[in-house]
Amino acid sequence: MSVSSPLRALEPLNRPSVADTVFDELHSQIILLELAPGTKMSEAEVAKALGVSRQPVRDAFYRLSKLGFLSIRPQRATLVSHISSAAVLQARFIRNAIEAETVRTACRVLKPEDFSGLDTVLDAQHKAVKASDPVSFHQLDDQFHREICERSGLAFAWDIIRENKAHMDRVRFLSLSFASNDAFNDHVEVMEAIRARDEERAMKYMRKHLSRIKEQIVRIRADHVQYFADESDA
């Protein structure tokens, strides 16, 4: 008598792993400067604080180091990396190149239901600006850019951007204390150009939006010099 495998009745598991949860928590704290550049990190201490074993913490540390958030040095303390101005501008270059082409595609392929979905994100951003809530705005900022990629059939583009924007993320968050309204208005301009299917205008406004960081980083570094790497000899 044959017995069917019970595995056929199971649904795929999509729950985040413990390592994913640890990664997400540390990633958020680093971006929001709750774990400031230069902070010493201990696998044992993080594991104890989060109530997990050391292995998922080790996995999360490795992933964060690959993104540029942690400096893992054998036999020495693991540190939250300082912000590299050069890395910020490199990330801006990559984003400018990729996202200009992304919005060009968006102008061609997005449908009314996509416009509606992006408008919902913009409405939430507007509320975050009015509420002076930079944490929510930062998350919604990422969501807006990510959804343009995904809705345009270019999810891989966001994967590339995410892998290269770690240093830029912290500067973007610090900029929201004085520039969230500018960021929101830029998003509105990009959205209006996409809705009008005006490729050149959409690309122009996206480049304008992403280029603001070149001026913002000067002010931010002056105000938060302790967060930045010394690149005077670079």
C-alpha atoms as a PDB file:
ATOM      1  CA  MET A   1       0.000   0.000   0.000  1.00  0.00           C
ATOM      2  CA  SER A   2       1.486   3.320  -1.037  1.00  0.00           C
ATOM      3  CA  VAL A   3       1.486   6.217   1.361  1.00  0.00           C
ATOM      4  CA  SER A   4       1.387   9.734  -0.039  1.00  0.00           C
ATOM      5  CA  SER A   5       3.929  12.175   1.288  1.00  0.00           C
ATOM      6  CA  PRO A   6       2.467  14.523   3.918  1.00  0.00           C
ATOM      7  CA  LEU A   7       4.744  17.281   2.570  1.00  0.00           C
ATOM      8  CA  ARG A   8       2.425  17.751  -0.401  1.00  0.00           C
ATOM      9  CA  ALA A   9      -0.205  19.229   1.891  1.00  0.00           C
ATOM     10  CA  LEU A  10       2.068  21.903   3.321  1.00  0.00           C
ATOM     11  CA  GLU A  11       2.046  25.505   2.152  1.00  0.00           C
ATOM     12  CA  PRO A  12       5.333  27.354   1.541  1.00  0.00           C
ATOM     13  CA  LEU A  13       6.537  29.208   4.605  1.00  0.00           C
ATOM     14  CA  ASN A  14       7.010  32.940   4.114  1.00  0.00           C
ATOM     15  CA  ARG A  15       7.639  33.876   7.727  1.00  0.00           C
ATOM     16  CA  PRO A  16      10.834  35.851   8.250  1.00  0.00           C
ATOM     17  CA  SER A  17      13.687  33.918   9.825  1.00  0.00           C
ATOM     18  CA  VAL A  18      15.190  34.935  13.151  1.00  0.00           C
ATOM     19  CA  ALA A  19      18.235  36.215  11.262  1.00  0.00           C
ATOM     20  CA  ASP A  20      15.941  38.344   9.043  1.00  0.00           C
ATOM     21  CA  THR A  21      14.273  39.814  12.123  1.00  0.00           C
ATOM     22  CA  VAL A  22      17.625  40.606  13.743  1.00  0.00           C
ATOM     23  CA  PHE A  23      18.901  42.105  10.484  1.00  0.00           C
ATOM     24  CA  ASP A  24      15.807  44.300  10.067  1.00  0.00           C
ATOM     25  CA  GLU A  25      16.053  45.570  13.652  1.00  0.00           C
ATOM     26  CA  LEU A  26      19.740  46.444  13.452  1.00  0.00           C
ATOM     27  CA  HIS A  27      19.379  47.868   9.932  1.00  0.00           C
ATOM     28  CA  SER A  28      16.646  50.210  11.161  1.00  0.00           C
ATOM     29  CA  GLN A  29      18.588  51.307  14.247  1.00  0.00           C
ATOM     30  CA  ILE A  30      21.683  52.077  12.192  1.00  0.00           C
ATOM     31  CA  ILE A  31      19.811  54.108   9.562  1.00  0.00           C
ATOM     32  CA  LEU A  32      17.952  56.078  12.231  1.00  0.00           C
ATOM     33  CA  LEU A  33      21.263  56.744  14.024  1.00  0.00           C
ATOM     34  CA  GLU A  34      20.047  54.978  17.159  1.00  0.00           C
ATOM     35  CA  LEU A  35      23.238  52.979  16.654  1.00  0.00           C
ATOM     36  CA  ALA A  36      25.555  55.834  15.776  1.00  0.00           C
ATOM     37  CA  PRO A  37      28.673  55.524  13.612  1.00  0.00           C
ATOM     38  CA  GLY A  38      31.558  54.240  15.698  1.00  0.00           C
ATOM     39  CA  THR A  39      29.350  52.248  18.079  1.00  0.00           C
ATOM     40  CA  LYS A  40      30.958  48.979  19.186  1.00  0.00           C
ATOM     41  CA  MET A  41      28.820  45.914  18.462  1.00  0.00           C
ATOM     42  CA  SER A  42      29.027  42.562  20.235  1.00  0.00           C
ATOM     43  CA  GLU A  43      27.348  39.420  18.954  1.00  0.00           C
ATOM     44  CA  ALA A  44      26.852  38.228  22.522  1.00  0.00           C
ATOM     45  CA  GLU A  45      25.332  41.506  23.727  1.00  0.00           C
ATOM     46  CA  VAL A  46      22.987  41.824  20.752  1.00  0.00           C
ATOM     47  CA  ALA A  47      21.904  38.194  21.124  1.00  0.00           C
ATOM     48  CA  LYS A  48      21.148  38.744  24.813  1.00  0.00           C
ATOM     49  CA  ALA A  49      19.273  41.999  24.168  1.00  0.00           C
ATOM     50  CA  LEU A  50      17.101  40.424  21.447  1.00  0.00           C
ATOM     51  CA  GLY A  51      16.666  37.071  23.183  1.00  0.00           C
ATOM     52  CA  VAL A  52      18.163  35.005  20.374  1.00  0.00           C
ATOM     53  CA  SER A  53      21.190  32.775  19.860  1.00  0.00           C
ATOM     54  CA  ARG A  54      24.446  34.147  18.479  1.00  0.00           C
ATOM     55  CA  GLN A  55      24.156  32.461  15.056  1.00  0.00           C
ATOM     56  CA  PRO A  56      21.352  34.684  13.651  1.00  0.00           C
ATOM     57  CA  VAL A  57      23.188  37.717  15.023  1.00  0.00           C
ATOM     58  CA  ARG A  58      26.355  36.558  13.259  1.00  0.00           C
ATOM     59  CA  ASP A  59      24.389  36.145  10.031  1.00  0.00           C
ATOM     60  CA  ALA A  60      22.845  39.624  10.406  1.00  0.00           C
ATOM     61  CA  PHE A  61      26.254  41.167  11.129  1.00  0.00           C
ATOM     62  CA  TYR A  62      27.631  39.631   7.934  1.00  0.00           C
ATOM     63  CA  ARG A  63      24.750  40.953   5.830  1.00  0.00           C
ATOM     64  CA  LEU A  64      25.108  44.420   7.357  1.00  0.00           C
ATOM     65  CA  SER A  65      28.844  44.390   6.684  1.00  0.00           C
ATOM     66  CA  LYS A  66      28.221  43.535   3.008  1.00  0.00           C
ATOM     67  CA  LEU A  67      25.937  46.576   2.770  1.00  0.00           C
ATOM     68  CA  GLY A  68      28.623  48.776   4.328  1.00  0.00           C
ATOM     69  CA  PHE A  69      26.943  49.368   7.690  1.00  0.00           C
ATOM     70  CA  LEU A  70      29.341  47.364   9.881  1.00  0.00           C
ATOM     71  CA  SER A  71      33.107  47.027   9.953  1.00  0.00           C
ATOM     72  CA  ILE A  72      33.947  43.500  11.112  1.00  0.00           C
ATOM     73  CA  ARG A  73      37.598  43.171  12.096  1.00  0.00           C
ATOM     74  CA  PRO A  74      38.952  39.788  13.263  1.00  0.00           C
ATOM     75  CA  GLN A  75      40.135  39.810  16.877  1.00  0.00           C
ATOM     76  CA  ARG A  76      38.946  43.401  17.227  1.00  0.00           C
ATOM     77  CA  ALA A  77      35.637  45.104  17.970  1.00  0.00           C
ATOM     78  CA  THR A  78      32.937  45.208  15.306  1.00  0.00           C
ATOM     79  CA  LEU A  79      31.955  48.819  14.696  1.00  0.00           C
ATOM     80  CA  VAL A  80      29.073  50.633  13.057  1.00  0.00           C
ATOM     81  CA  SER A  81      30.804  52.172  10.052  1.00  0.00           C
ATOM     82  CA  HIS A  82      31.274  55.901   9.768  1.00  0.00           C
ATOM     83  CA  ILE A  83      29.562  57.593   6.829  1.00  0.00           C
ATOM     84  CA  SER A  84      31.773  57.909   3.773  1.00  0.00           C
ATOM     85  CA  SER A  85      31.108  61.061   1.746  1.00  0.00           C
ATOM     86  CA  ALA A  86      32.692  59.375  -1.266  1.00  0.00           C
ATOM     87  CA  ALA A  87      30.387  56.350  -0.891  1.00  0.00           C
ATOM     88  CA  VAL A  88      27.362  58.651  -0.606  1.00  0.00           C
ATOM     89  CA  LEU A  89      28.201  60.338  -3.895  1.00  0.00           C
ATOM     90  CA  GLN A  90      28.935  57.004  -5.570  1.00  0.00           C
ATOM     91  CA  ALA A  91      25.516  55.743  -4.463  1.00  0.00           C
ATOM     92  CA  ARG A  92      23.913  58.925  -5.833  1.00  0.00           C
ATOM     93  CA  PHE A  93      25.595  58.301  -9.189  1.00  0.00           C
ATOM     94  CA  ILE A  94      24.324  54.722  -9.315  1.00  0.00           C
ATOM     95  CA  ARG A  95      20.800  55.738  -8.313  1.00  0.00           C
ATOM     96  CA  ASN A  96      20.746  58.591 -10.795  1.00  0.00           C
ATOM     97  CA  ALA A  97      21.680  56.299 -13.666  1.00  0.00           C
ATOM     98  CA  ILE A  98      19.287  53.498 -12.733  1.00  0.00           C
ATOM     99  CA  GLU A  99      16.282  55.507 -11.563  1.00  0.00           C
ATOM    100  CA  ALA A 100      16.310  57.882 -14.514  1.00  0.00           C
ATOM    101  CA  GLU A 101      15.860  54.872 -16.763  1.00  0.00           C
ATOM    102  CA  THR A 102      13.316  53.376 -14.369  1.00  0.00           C
ATOM    103  CA  VAL A 103      11.017  56.398 -14.587  1.00  0.00           C
ATOM    104  CA  ARG A 104      11.426  56.392 -18.368  1.00  0.00           C
ATOM    105  CA  THR A 105      10.046  52.849 -18.350  1.00  0.00           C
ATOM    106  CA  ALA A 106       7.367  53.814 -15.828  1.00  0.00           C
ATOM    107  CA  CYS A 107       6.069  56.455 -18.231  1.00  0.00           C
ATOM    108  CA  ARG A 108       5.560  53.749 -20.826  1.00  0.00           C
ATOM    109  CA  VAL A 109       4.109  50.884 -18.812  1.00  0.00           C
ATOM    110  CA  LEU A 110       2.336  52.056 -15.661  1.00  0.00           C
ATOM    111  CA  LYS A 111      -1.445  51.709 -15.582  1.00  0.00           C
ATOM    112  CA  PRO A 112      -4.136  53.694 -13.746  1.00  0.00           C
ATOM    113  CA  GLU A 113      -4.090  51.228 -10.859  1.00  0.00           C
ATOM    114  CA  ASP A 114      -0.344  51.835 -10.509  1.00  0.00           C
ATOM    115  CA  PHE A 115      -0.909  55.587 -10.414  1.00  0.00           C
ATOM    116  CA  SER A 116      -3.499  55.051  -7.685  1.00  0.00           C
ATOM    117  CA  GLY A 117      -1.096  52.919  -5.634  1.00  0.00           C
ATOM    118  CA  LEU A 118       1.684  55.497  -5.887  1.00  0.00           C
ATOM    119  CA  ASP A 119      -0.741  58.299  -5.028  1.00  0.00           C
ATOM    120  CA  THR A 120      -1.570  56.435  -1.813  1.00  0.00           C
ATOM    121  CA  VAL A 121       2.116  56.456  -0.891  1.00  0.00           C
ATOM    122  CA  LEU A 122       2.339  60.176  -1.659  1.00  0.00           C
ATOM    123  CA  ASP A 123      -0.709  60.881   0.516  1.00  0.00           C
ATOM    124  CA  ALA A 124       0.966  59.072   3.405  1.00  0.00           C
ATOM    125  CA  GLN A 125       4.170  61.035   2.784  1.00  0.00           C
ATOM    126  CA  HIS A 126       2.244  64.301   2.928  1.00  0.00           C
ATOM    127  CA  LYS A 127       0.800  63.309   6.304  1.00  0.00           C
ATOM    128  CA  ALA A 128       4.282  62.428   7.565  1.00  0.00           C
ATOM    129  CA  VAL A 129       5.598  65.844   6.483  1.00  0.00           C
ATOM    130  CA  LYS A 130       2.734  67.628   8.253  1.00  0.00           C
ATOM    131  CA  ALA A 131       3.286  65.526  11.376  1.00  0.00           C
ATOM    132  CA  SER A 132       7.069  66.183  11.307  1.00  0.00           C
ATOM    133  CA  ASP A 133       7.613  62.421  11.341  1.00  0.00           C
ATOM    134  CA  PRO A 134      10.967  61.740   9.627  1.00  0.00           C
ATOM    135  CA  VAL A 135      10.982  58.045  10.529  1.00  0.00           C
ATOM    136  CA  SER A 136       7.728  57.379   8.684  1.00  0.00           C
ATOM    137  CA  PHE A 137       8.718  59.658   5.817  1.00  0.00           C
ATOM    138  CA  HIS A 138      12.015  57.844   5.351  1.00  0.00           C
ATOM    139  CA  GLN A 139      10.230  54.496   5.092  1.00  0.00           C
ATOM    140  CA  LEU A 140       7.666  55.931   2.676  1.00  0.00           C
ATOM    141  CA  ASP A 141      10.435  57.541   0.615  1.00  0.00           C
ATOM    142  CA  ASP A 142      11.993  54.126   0.065  1.00  0.00           C
ATOM    143  CA  GLN A 143       8.555  52.663  -0.659  1.00  0.00           C
ATOM    144  CA  PHE A 144       7.871  55.254  -3.375  1.00  0.00           C
ATOM    145  CA  HIS A 145      11.127  54.565  -5.191  1.00  0.00           C
ATOM    146  CA  ARG A 146      10.821  50.806  -4.743  1.00  0.00           C
ATOM    147  CA  GLU A 147       7.253  50.686  -6.028  1.00  0.00           C
ATOM    148  CA  ILE A 148       8.157  52.627  -9.170  1.00  0.00           C
ATOM    149  CA  CYS A 149      10.767  49.958  -9.890  1.00  0.00           C
ATOM    150  CA  GLU A 150       8.481  47.042  -9.058  1.00  0.00           C
ATOM    151  CA  ARG A 151       5.411  48.389 -10.849  1.00  0.00           C
ATOM    152  CA  SER A 152       7.570  48.990 -13.919  1.00  0.00           C
ATOM    153  CA  GLY A 153       8.690  45.357 -13.952  1.00  0.00           C
ATOM    154  CA  LEU A 154      12.185  46.347 -12.790  1.00  0.00           C
ATOM    155  CA  ALA A 155      12.341  44.912  -9.275  1.00  0.00           C
ATOM    156  CA  PHE A 156      15.936  43.873  -9.926  1.00  0.00           C
ATOM    157  CA  ALA A 157      16.827  47.566 -10.261  1.00  0.00           C
ATOM    158  CA  TRP A 158      15.739  48.194  -6.675  1.00  0.00           C
ATOM    159  CA  ASP A 159      17.820  45.225  -5.526  1.00  0.00           C
ATOM    160  CA  ILE A 160      20.903  46.840  -7.069  1.00  0.00           C
ATOM    161  CA  ILE A 161      20.071  50.221  -5.547  1.00  0.00           C
ATOM    162  CA  ARG A 162      19.518  48.720  -2.085  1.00  0.00           C
ATOM    163  CA  GLU A 163      22.892  46.985  -2.192  1.00  0.00           C
ATOM    164  CA  ASN A 164      24.673  50.279  -2.895  1.00  0.00           C
ATOM    165  CA  LYS A 165      22.900  52.941  -0.861  1.00  0.00           C
ATOM    166  CA  ALA A 166      23.820  52.215   2.778  1.00  0.00           C
ATOM    167  CA  HIS A 167      25.906  55.344   3.371  1.00  0.00           C
ATOM    168  CA  MET A 168      23.383  57.446   1.437  1.00  0.00           C
ATOM    169  CA  ASP A 169      20.512  56.227   3.644  1.00  0.00           C
ATOM    170  CA  ARG A 170      21.868  57.783   6.821  1.00  0.00           C
ATOM    171  CA  VAL A 171      22.536  61.115   5.128  1.00  0.00           C
ATOM    172  CA  ARG A 172      19.037  61.046   3.629  1.00  0.00           C
ATOM    173  CA  PHE A 173      17.550  60.462   7.071  1.00  0.00           C
ATOM    174  CA  LEU A 174      19.550  63.334   8.583  1.00  0.00           C
ATOM    175  CA  SER A 175      18.443  65.611   5.729  1.00  0.00           C
ATOM    176  CA  LEU A 176      14.778  65.145   6.636  1.00  0.00           C
ATOM    177  CA  SER A 177      15.136  67.513   9.585  1.00  0.00           C
ATOM    178  CA  PHE A 178      15.220  70.367   7.060  1.00  0.00           C
ATOM    179  CA  ALA A 179      14.386  68.940   3.614  1.00  0.00           C
ATOM    180  CA  SER A 180      11.426  66.570   3.891  1.00  0.00           C
ATOM    181  CA  ASN A 181       9.110  69.056   2.184  1.00  0.00           C
ATOM    182  CA  ASP A 182      11.536  69.411  -0.738  1.00  0.00           C
ATOM    183  CA  ALA A 183      11.716  65.627  -1.048  1.00  0.00           C
ATOM    184  CA  PHE A 184       7.937  65.335  -1.041  1.00  0.00           C
ATOM    185  CA  ASN A 185       7.527  68.057  -3.671  1.00  0.00           C
ATOM    186  CA  ASP A 186      10.128  66.313  -5.842  1.00  0.00           C
ATOM    187  CA  HIS A 187       8.118  63.083  -5.618  1.00  0.00           C
ATOM    188  CA  VAL A 188       4.969  64.934  -6.663  1.00  0.00           C
ATOM    189  CA  GLU A 189       6.766  66.380  -9.704  1.00  0.00           C
ATOM    190  CA  VAL A 190       8.092  62.952 -10.688  1.00  0.00           C
ATOM    191  CA  MET A 191       4.628  61.451 -10.296  1.00  0.00           C
ATOM    192  CA  GLU A 192       2.975  64.159 -12.394  1.00  0.00           C
ATOM    193  CA  ALA A 193       5.509  63.598 -15.173  1.00  0.00           C
ATOM    194  CA  ILE A 194       4.972  59.825 -15.102  1.00  0.00           C
ATOM    195  CA  ARG A 195       1.192  60.284 -15.188  1.00  0.00           C
ATOM    196  CA  ALA A 196       1.586  62.576 -18.212  1.00  0.00           C
ATOM    197  CA  ARG A 197       3.886  59.952 -19.792  1.00  0.00           C
ATOM    198  CA  ASP A 198       6.488  62.670 -20.277  1.00  0.00           C
ATOM    199  CA  GLU A 199       9.703  60.671 -20.196  1.00  0.00           C
ATOM    200  CA  GLU A 200      12.157  63.557 -20.410  1.00  0.00           C
ATOM    201  CA  ARG A 201      10.428  65.513 -17.655  1.00  0.00           C
ATOM    202  CA  ALA A 202      10.228  62.472 -15.389  1.00  0.00           C
ATOM    203  CA  MET A 203      13.943  61.800 -15.852  1.00  0.00           C
ATOM    204  CA  LYS A 204      14.807  65.454 -15.269  1.00  0.00           C
ATOM    205  CA  TYR A 205      12.880  65.623 -11.996  1.00  0.00           C
ATOM    206  CA  MET A 206      14.243  62.295 -10.744  1.00  0.00           C
ATOM    207  CA  ARG A 207      17.803  63.475 -11.395  1.00  0.00           C
ATOM    208  CA  LYS A 208      17.032  66.769  -9.652  1.00  0.00           C
ATOM    209  CA  HIS A 209      15.608  64.893  -6.674  1.00  0.00           C
ATOM    210  CA  LEU A 210      18.555  62.532  -6.283  1.00  0.00           C
ATOM    211  CA  SER A 211      21.128  65.297  -6.831  1.00  0.00           C
ATOM    212  CA  ARG A 212      19.967  67.342  -3.844  1.00  0.00           C
ATOM    213  CA  ILE A 213      22.161  65.210  -1.605  1.00  0.00           C
ATOM    214  CA  LYS A 214      25.310  66.767  -3.109  1.00  0.00           C
ATOM    215  CA  GLU A 215      24.459  70.075  -1.417  1.00  0.00           C
ATOM    216  CA  GLN A 216      22.812  68.550   1.647  1.00  0.00           C
ATOM    217  CA  ILE A 217      25.839  66.478   2.607  1.00  0.00           C
ATOM    218  CA  VAL A 218      27.956  69.616   3.044  1.00  0.00           C
ATOM    219  CA  ARG A 219      25.543  70.976   5.667  1.00  0.00           C
ATOM    220  CA  ILE A 220      25.029  67.600   7.310  1.00  0.00           C
ATOM    221  CA  ARG A 221      28.738  66.895   7.619  1.00  0.00           C
ATOM    222  CA  ALA A 222      29.302  70.309   9.174  1.00  0.00           C
ATOM    223  CA  ASP A 223      26.559  69.626  11.733  1.00  0.00           C
ATOM    224  CA  HIS A 224      27.486  65.982  12.427  1.00  0.00           C
ATOM    225  CA  VAL A 225      31.206  65.706  11.757  1.00  0.00           C
ATOM    226  CA  GLN A 226      31.505  62.883  14.326  1.00  0.00           C
ATOM    227  CA  TYR A 227      29.393  60.595  12.093  1.00  0.00           C
ATOM    228  CA  PHE A 228      31.694  60.874   9.069  1.00  0.00           C
ATOM    229  CA  ALA A 229      34.860  59.029   8.094  1.00  0.00           C
ATOM    230  CA  ASP A 230      38.051  61.059   7.772  1.00  0.00           C
ATOM    231  CA  GLU A 231      38.696  61.025   4.038  1.00  0.00           C
ATOM    232  CA  SER A 232      41.099  63.952   3.939  1.00  0.00           C
ATOM    233  CA  ASP A 233      43.864  61.767   2.497  1.00  0.00           C
ATOM    234  CA  ALA A 234      41.594  59.930   0.060  1.00  0.00           C
END
